[in-house]
Protein backbone atom coordinates (compact mmCIF):
# COMPACT_ATOMS: atom_id res chain seq x y z
CA MET A 1 -107.32 -35.43 -73.83
CA LYS A 2 -107.56 -35.79 -70.06
CA THR A 3 -107.29 -33.16 -67.39
CA TYR A 4 -104.40 -33.65 -64.99
CA ALA A 5 -105.22 -33.33 -61.30
CA THR A 6 -102.32 -33.16 -58.86
CA ARG A 7 -102.44 -35.64 -56.00
CA ALA A 8 -100.55 -35.51 -52.71
CA CYS A 9 -98.41 -38.51 -53.73
CA ASP A 10 -97.11 -36.58 -56.80
CA ILE A 11 -95.48 -33.85 -54.69
CA GLU A 12 -91.70 -33.91 -54.26
CA ARG A 13 -90.35 -31.35 -51.83
CA GLN A 14 -86.97 -29.67 -52.20
CA TRP A 15 -84.93 -27.39 -49.92
CA HIS A 16 -84.05 -23.83 -50.93
CA VAL A 17 -81.56 -21.57 -49.14
CA ILE A 18 -82.07 -17.84 -49.64
CA ASP A 19 -79.63 -15.20 -48.44
CA ALA A 20 -81.52 -12.11 -47.24
CA ALA A 21 -78.44 -9.89 -46.92
CA GLY A 22 -79.09 -6.61 -48.73
CA GLN A 23 -82.44 -7.71 -50.20
CA THR A 24 -85.61 -5.66 -49.92
CA LEU A 25 -88.10 -7.13 -47.44
CA GLY A 26 -91.20 -7.19 -49.65
CA ARG A 27 -89.50 -8.64 -52.71
CA LEU A 28 -87.81 -11.30 -50.59
CA ALA A 29 -91.09 -12.20 -48.87
CA ALA A 30 -92.88 -12.54 -52.23
CA GLN A 31 -90.15 -14.86 -53.52
CA VAL A 32 -90.28 -17.00 -50.36
CA ALA A 33 -94.10 -17.17 -50.39
CA LYS A 34 -94.05 -18.34 -54.00
CA LEU A 35 -91.67 -21.18 -53.10
CA LEU A 36 -93.69 -22.16 -50.01
CA MET A 37 -96.94 -22.34 -52.01
CA GLY A 38 -95.38 -24.25 -54.89
CA LYS A 39 -96.34 -21.73 -57.58
CA HIS A 40 -92.97 -22.25 -59.26
CA LYS A 41 -93.87 -25.88 -60.08
CA PRO A 42 -95.92 -27.09 -63.04
CA ILE A 43 -97.97 -29.32 -60.69
CA TYR A 44 -99.21 -26.37 -58.59
CA ALA A 45 -102.76 -26.73 -57.33
CA PRO A 46 -104.40 -24.15 -55.05
CA TYR A 47 -106.05 -26.87 -52.95
CA LEU A 48 -102.76 -28.70 -52.15
CA ASP A 49 -99.60 -27.80 -50.29
CA ALA A 50 -97.19 -28.47 -53.17
CA GLY A 51 -94.50 -26.09 -51.92
CA ASP A 52 -90.91 -26.64 -50.87
CA TYR A 53 -88.95 -26.01 -47.69
CA VAL A 54 -87.30 -22.58 -47.55
CA ILE A 55 -84.38 -21.55 -45.34
CA VAL A 56 -83.71 -17.82 -45.07
CA ILE A 57 -80.30 -16.84 -43.68
CA ASN A 58 -78.94 -13.41 -42.71
CA ALA A 59 -82.38 -12.13 -41.69
CA ALA A 60 -80.72 -9.38 -39.65
CA LYS A 61 -79.29 -7.85 -42.85
CA VAL A 62 -82.60 -7.37 -44.70
CA ARG A 63 -83.42 -3.80 -45.71
CA VAL A 64 -86.44 -1.63 -46.45
CA THR A 65 -86.68 1.41 -48.71
CA GLY A 66 -87.55 4.98 -47.86
CA LYS A 67 -88.38 5.96 -44.28
CA LYS A 68 -89.96 2.60 -43.42
CA ALA A 69 -87.17 1.69 -40.97
CA GLY A 70 -88.42 4.31 -38.54
CA GLU A 71 -92.07 4.60 -39.56
CA LYS A 72 -93.16 0.99 -40.15
CA ILE A 73 -94.88 -0.24 -37.00
CA TYR A 74 -95.72 -3.80 -35.90
CA TYR A 75 -98.74 -4.05 -33.60
CA ARG A 76 -99.78 -6.83 -31.24
CA HIS A 77 -102.43 -6.99 -28.53
CA SER A 78 -102.43 -9.06 -25.35
CA GLY A 79 -106.22 -9.27 -25.25
CA TYR A 80 -106.44 -7.22 -22.06
CA PRO A 81 -107.62 -3.59 -21.85
CA GLY A 82 -104.72 -1.30 -22.68
CA GLY A 83 -102.70 -4.26 -23.97
CA LEU A 84 -101.77 -2.79 -27.36
CA ARG A 85 -98.03 -2.92 -28.04
CA ALA A 86 -96.30 -1.18 -30.93
CA VAL A 87 -92.73 -1.76 -32.15
CA THR A 88 -91.00 -0.05 -35.07
CA PHE A 89 -89.20 -1.97 -37.81
CA ARG A 90 -85.81 -0.80 -36.53
CA GLU A 91 -86.54 -2.04 -32.99
CA MET A 92 -87.94 -5.36 -34.23
CA LEU A 93 -84.90 -5.92 -36.44
CA ALA A 94 -82.58 -5.24 -33.50
CA THR A 95 -84.39 -7.55 -31.04
CA HIS A 96 -86.05 -10.27 -33.18
CA PRO A 97 -84.75 -10.14 -36.78
CA THR A 98 -86.40 -13.43 -37.77
CA ARG A 99 -89.90 -12.14 -36.94
CA VAL A 100 -89.64 -9.38 -39.54
CA ILE A 101 -89.36 -11.86 -42.41
CA GLU A 102 -91.83 -14.33 -40.84
CA HIS A 103 -94.44 -11.56 -40.49
CA ALA A 104 -94.02 -10.41 -44.09
CA VAL A 105 -94.21 -13.94 -45.52
CA LYS A 106 -97.16 -14.97 -43.35
CA GLY A 107 -99.16 -12.04 -44.73
CA MET A 108 -98.64 -13.37 -48.27
CA LEU A 109 -99.87 -16.89 -47.52
CA PRO A 110 -103.53 -18.01 -47.38
CA ASP A 111 -105.32 -17.48 -44.04
CA THR A 112 -106.39 -21.13 -43.83
CA ASP A 113 -105.14 -24.47 -42.49
CA LEU A 114 -103.30 -24.86 -45.78
CA GLY A 115 -101.50 -21.53 -45.27
CA ARG A 116 -100.47 -22.55 -41.75
CA ALA A 117 -99.07 -25.83 -43.11
CA MET A 118 -97.10 -23.88 -45.73
CA PHE A 119 -95.74 -21.50 -43.09
CA LYS A 120 -94.34 -24.43 -41.07
CA LYS A 121 -91.93 -25.15 -43.93
CA LEU A 122 -90.26 -21.75 -43.49
CA LYS A 123 -87.05 -21.63 -41.42
CA VAL A 124 -85.56 -18.18 -40.75
CA TYR A 125 -82.17 -17.54 -39.12
CA ALA A 126 -80.58 -14.22 -38.15
CA GLY A 127 -77.04 -15.28 -39.10
CA GLU A 128 -75.40 -17.40 -41.78
CA ASN A 129 -75.47 -20.71 -39.89
CA HIS A 130 -78.45 -23.06 -39.92
CA PRO A 131 -78.96 -26.65 -38.68
CA HIS A 132 -80.32 -27.97 -42.01
CA GLN A 133 -77.04 -28.66 -43.83
CA ALA A 134 -77.87 -32.37 -44.17
CA GLN A 135 -81.26 -31.77 -45.81
CA VAL A 136 -79.86 -29.23 -48.26
CA ALA A 137 -76.91 -31.48 -49.15
CA SER A 138 -79.13 -34.53 -49.69
CA ALA A 139 -81.50 -32.48 -51.85
CA ARG A 140 -78.57 -31.33 -54.00
CA ALA A 141 -77.26 -34.90 -54.31
CA ALA A 142 -80.67 -36.19 -55.36
CA LYS A 143 -80.98 -33.40 -57.93
CA GLU A 144 -77.56 -34.25 -59.38
CA ASP A 145 -78.47 -37.95 -59.61
CA LYS A 146 -81.59 -37.13 -61.61
CA THR A 147 -79.61 -35.06 -64.13
CA ARG A 148 -77.19 -37.90 -64.87
């Protein structure tokens, strides 16, 4: 019996479209992170980027539970004295709805070069339209050809 080791040439990437409308932020982010890392595949290896491309639509319609909409705060710092900026979830969702999901998913990925490569495969859009129709359609066609 031999041990199987996944190689980069064994990885086949697919495209997934996830609708965020009405979904809870944390549960959605966990699902997206799992797809980006490739943990849903039997060839998953922690040292390889075996994940798929993920498109999240309707980011502006994501929800949070409890009082988090008013109390959850996103911080950033300019690097200058007094440069701390704080924005609540409600304000961030109104101005930059894609950043809410990107921030949540990025926190669930590894803090390494591999995690940054995984994050590049995430595409988030505030509305229903996205410019990746061709990739999603070709991925579906290839999947149907394999099942025949």
